[in-house]
Amino acid sequence: MNDFDVPPRTRRERRLREGSDDGAPVVLMVCTGNICRSPLAELILRARLRDVDVRVHSAGTRAPVGSEMSGFSQEIAVEHGASPEEAAAHRARWLQEPLADDADLILAMSREHRRAAVELSPRHLRHTLTVREFARLAETLSDEQITTAADAAGAAPRARVAAVVALVSGQRGLGAPAAAQDDDVIDPYRRERAVYDVSAAQLVPAIDAVARVVRVALEAT
């Protein structure tokens, strides 16, 4: 039995089954509290793709719901292109299954968060990676390969992104396994600005890699 022999249970699965375009692609960032790493990733990716029709969200596995983004993370977000108003407006929210089900790509800040997203449902496995894992795997792919995969999926933006995410995910296991510290973004919560800077130095290049892949995937739409 393959994936299309069972009734689709999520909006994402229905789109894949029907080949329908349900609006803009959705990228979901996940960390623990949704006040440091994942909102920073959300805001930077949104800034990088401001001219592209993509929805970017974030959530936490143990979020203090309604809490503001940490001050240092707000500062770093603004330094990387987010508006101060966007950064100040963020409020933490809990990772829940409907939110994950609607995502075309789930990017976790650590392997722990990747596991938590998949545990909501094994259906998320193929499109859930840590953000640094995604960047590492995407480095092996040229723009031409990304475009070819996207074009094969047709014109619908969400289908194009889903095809490219599958292409990136398919690179797993083709190279030497990475050490855990190479796939995780360190948690700077309640630490000094210098630790936030180290965390951002791990995160920002990975977000740039994500932005490249998404932008290339959607270029021909």
Protein backbone atom coordinates (compact mmCIF):
# COMPACT_ATOMS: atom_id res chain seq x y z
CA MET A 1 0.00 0.00 0.00
CA ASN A 2 1.41 3.40 -0.93
CA ASP A 3 0.71 6.86 0.48
CA PHE A 4 -2.15 7.42 -1.95
CA ASP A 5 -4.04 4.19 -1.14
CA VAL A 6 -5.37 5.58 2.14
CA PRO A 7 -7.86 8.41 2.74
CA PRO A 8 -6.09 11.77 3.11
CA ARG A 9 -6.41 13.03 6.67
CA THR A 10 -4.76 16.42 6.51
CA ARG A 11 -5.10 19.46 4.30
CA ARG A 12 -1.58 18.84 3.02
CA GLU A 13 -2.41 15.23 2.11
CA ARG A 14 -5.61 16.31 0.37
CA ARG A 15 -3.63 18.79 -1.71
CA LEU A 16 -1.17 16.09 -2.74
CA ARG A 17 -3.99 13.66 -3.56
CA GLU A 18 -6.02 16.20 -5.56
CA GLY A 19 -3.12 18.17 -7.05
CA SER A 20 -4.80 21.37 -5.86
CA ASP A 21 -3.23 24.71 -5.02
CA ASP A 22 -4.31 25.80 -1.57
CA GLY A 23 -2.62 29.21 -1.53
CA ALA A 24 0.90 30.12 -0.56
CA PRO A 25 3.41 27.51 0.67
CA VAL A 26 3.75 27.27 4.45
CA VAL A 27 7.02 26.98 6.39
CA LEU A 28 6.82 26.27 10.13
CA MET A 29 9.72 26.87 12.53
CA VAL A 30 9.82 24.90 15.80
CA CYS A 31 11.80 25.27 19.02
CA THR A 32 11.02 24.83 22.72
CA GLY A 33 9.58 28.11 23.98
CA ASN A 34 8.88 29.94 20.71
CA ILE A 35 10.51 33.03 22.18
CA CYS A 36 14.16 32.81 21.02
CA ARG A 37 15.20 30.59 18.13
CA SER A 38 12.06 29.75 16.16
CA PRO A 39 10.63 33.29 16.05
CA LEU A 40 14.06 34.58 15.05
CA ALA A 41 14.14 32.03 12.24
CA GLU A 42 10.59 32.96 11.26
CA LEU A 43 11.28 36.69 11.08
CA ILE A 44 14.59 36.35 9.21
CA LEU A 45 13.14 33.96 6.62
CA ARG A 46 10.15 36.23 6.17
CA ALA A 47 12.52 39.17 5.62
CA ARG A 48 14.58 37.18 3.12
CA LEU A 49 11.44 36.20 1.19
CA ARG A 50 9.51 39.44 1.56
CA ASP A 51 8.89 39.59 -2.19
CA VAL A 52 7.82 35.93 -2.41
CA ASP A 53 4.35 34.61 -1.60
CA VAL A 54 5.24 32.30 1.30
CA ARG A 55 3.68 32.05 4.75
CA VAL A 56 6.16 31.60 7.59
CA HIS A 57 5.06 30.69 11.12
CA SER A 58 6.65 29.40 14.33
CA ALA A 59 5.62 27.46 17.41
CA GLY A 60 7.12 25.86 20.51
CA THR A 61 6.94 22.37 21.99
CA ARG A 62 6.65 23.85 25.49
CA ALA A 63 5.76 27.44 24.74
CA PRO A 64 4.77 29.94 27.43
CA VAL A 65 1.75 30.91 25.36
CA GLY A 66 1.40 34.64 24.80
CA SER A 67 4.94 35.53 25.86
CA GLU A 68 6.98 38.06 23.91
CA MET A 69 10.08 37.24 21.92
CA SER A 70 13.24 37.65 23.98
CA GLY A 71 14.84 41.07 23.80
CA PHE A 72 18.13 39.90 22.31
CA SER A 73 16.30 37.83 19.69
CA GLN A 74 14.27 40.89 18.75
CA GLU A 75 17.46 42.90 18.34
CA ILE A 76 19.06 40.25 16.13
CA ALA A 77 15.90 39.88 14.04
CA VAL A 78 15.89 43.61 13.32
CA GLU A 79 19.61 43.50 12.47
CA HIS A 80 18.77 40.87 9.84
CA GLY A 81 15.93 42.71 8.16
CA ALA A 82 12.83 42.29 10.32
CA SER A 83 10.93 45.38 11.33
CA PRO A 84 10.92 46.35 15.02
CA GLU A 85 7.11 46.21 14.91
CA GLU A 86 7.13 42.61 13.66
CA ALA A 87 9.58 41.55 16.33
CA ALA A 88 7.64 43.27 19.11
CA ALA A 89 4.34 41.80 17.95
CA HIS A 90 5.40 38.16 18.21
CA ARG A 91 3.63 36.06 20.84
CA ALA A 92 4.60 32.49 21.68
CA ARG A 93 2.26 29.69 20.74
CA TRP A 94 2.14 25.96 21.28
CA LEU A 95 2.97 23.46 18.55
CA GLN A 96 -0.29 21.68 17.77
CA GLU A 97 -1.19 19.12 15.15
CA PRO A 98 -3.39 21.33 12.91
CA LEU A 99 -0.57 23.87 12.65
CA ALA A 100 1.96 21.18 11.73
CA ASP A 101 -0.47 19.46 9.36
CA ASP A 102 -0.78 22.57 7.20
CA ALA A 103 2.99 23.04 6.78
CA ASP A 104 4.79 22.14 3.57
CA LEU A 105 8.12 22.31 5.41
CA ILE A 106 8.76 22.02 9.15
CA LEU A 107 12.16 23.30 10.25
CA ALA A 108 13.21 22.37 13.77
CA MET A 109 15.90 24.14 15.73
CA SER A 110 17.23 20.84 17.09
CA ARG A 111 16.84 17.10 16.69
CA GLU A 112 14.70 17.13 19.84
CA HIS A 113 12.23 19.50 18.18
CA ARG A 114 12.30 17.50 14.95
CA ARG A 115 11.36 14.40 16.93
CA ALA A 116 8.55 16.26 18.71
CA ALA A 117 7.06 17.42 15.41
CA VAL A 118 7.18 13.92 13.95
CA GLU A 119 5.67 12.46 17.13
CA LEU A 120 2.57 14.58 16.53
CA SER A 121 2.14 12.32 13.52
CA PRO A 122 4.57 10.16 11.53
CA ARG A 123 3.08 11.80 8.42
CA HIS A 124 5.36 14.78 9.11
CA LEU A 125 8.57 12.74 8.78
CA ARG A 126 9.34 13.43 5.13
CA HIS A 127 9.00 17.19 5.35
CA THR A 128 10.48 17.75 8.82
CA LEU A 129 14.19 18.52 9.20
CA THR A 130 16.33 20.57 11.49
CA VAL A 131 17.10 23.89 9.86
CA ARG A 132 20.83 23.21 9.77
CA GLU A 133 20.20 19.70 8.42
CA PHE A 134 18.12 21.22 5.63
CA ALA A 135 20.92 23.65 4.79
CA ARG A 136 23.56 20.91 4.82
CA LEU A 137 21.53 18.67 2.49
CA ALA A 138 20.55 21.55 0.21
CA GLU A 139 24.23 22.41 -0.31
CA THR A 140 24.51 19.25 -2.41
CA LEU A 141 21.83 20.47 -4.84
CA SER A 142 22.25 22.95 -7.67
CA ASP A 143 19.66 25.53 -8.63
CA GLU A 144 19.10 23.50 -11.81
CA GLN A 145 18.26 20.36 -9.84
CA ILE A 146 15.86 22.31 -7.63
CA THR A 147 14.16 23.87 -10.65
CA THR A 148 13.84 20.50 -12.40
CA ALA A 149 12.13 18.95 -9.35
CA ALA A 150 9.81 21.93 -8.97
CA ASP A 151 8.89 22.03 -12.66
CA ALA A 152 8.03 18.33 -12.58
CA ALA A 153 5.44 19.09 -9.90
CA GLY A 154 3.60 21.62 -12.05
CA ALA A 155 2.66 25.25 -11.49
CA ALA A 156 0.97 25.10 -8.07
CA PRO A 157 3.31 26.81 -5.56
CA ARG A 158 2.66 24.38 -2.71
CA ALA A 159 3.22 21.38 -4.96
CA ARG A 160 6.48 22.90 -6.21
CA VAL A 161 7.76 23.48 -2.68
CA ALA A 162 6.63 20.00 -1.58
CA ALA A 163 8.56 18.45 -4.46
CA VAL A 164 11.70 20.36 -3.60
CA VAL A 165 11.42 19.51 0.10
CA ALA A 166 11.18 15.84 -0.93
CA LEU A 167 14.30 16.32 -3.05
CA VAL A 168 16.23 17.81 -0.13
CA SER A 169 14.94 15.22 2.32
CA GLY A 170 15.94 12.49 -0.13
CA GLN A 171 19.58 13.45 0.34
CA ARG A 172 19.46 11.98 3.86
CA GLY A 173 21.75 9.02 4.19
CA LEU A 174 23.69 9.75 1.01
CA GLY A 175 26.63 11.23 2.88
CA ALA A 176 28.38 10.76 6.19
CA PRO A 177 26.05 11.25 9.18
CA ALA A 178 26.36 14.62 10.91
CA ALA A 179 27.13 15.02 14.58
CA ALA A 180 24.19 16.22 16.68
CA GLN A 181 25.89 19.54 17.37
CA ASP A 182 26.15 20.15 13.62
CA ASP A 183 22.39 19.82 13.13
CA ASP A 184 21.25 21.74 16.22
CA VAL A 185 21.05 25.48 16.89
CA ILE A 186 22.14 26.13 20.46
CA ASP A 187 19.55 27.47 22.88
CA PRO A 188 20.48 30.96 24.17
CA TYR A 189 17.48 31.30 26.53
CA ARG A 190 18.28 33.46 29.60
CA ARG A 191 21.92 33.82 28.61
CA GLU A 192 24.07 36.78 27.64
CA ARG A 193 23.99 38.48 24.25
CA ALA A 194 27.21 36.72 23.22
CA VAL A 195 25.43 33.34 23.36
CA TYR A 196 22.56 34.74 21.29
CA ASP A 197 25.16 35.83 18.74
CA VAL A 198 26.66 32.32 18.58
CA SER A 199 23.18 30.85 18.17
CA ALA A 200 22.38 33.34 15.41
CA ALA A 201 25.67 32.56 13.68
CA GLN A 202 24.50 28.94 13.41
CA LEU A 203 20.97 29.87 12.40
CA VAL A 204 21.31 32.69 9.87
CA PRO A 205 23.38 30.84 7.22
CA ALA A 206 20.87 27.97 7.42
CA ILE A 207 17.97 30.37 6.91
CA ASP A 208 19.77 31.82 3.90
CA ALA A 209 20.01 28.31 2.45
CA VAL A 210 16.29 27.74 3.03
CA ALA A 211 15.51 31.06 1.35
CA ARG A 212 17.57 30.05 -1.69
CA VAL A 213 15.76 26.75 -2.12
CA VAL A 214 12.29 28.20 -1.68
CA ARG A 215 12.99 31.10 -4.00
CA VAL A 216 14.39 28.85 -6.74
CA ALA A 217 11.46 26.44 -6.33
CA LEU A 218 8.96 29.24 -6.93
CA GLU A 219 10.79 31.18 -9.62
CA ALA A 220 9.02 29.53 -12.54
CA THR A 221 5.47 29.91 -11.16
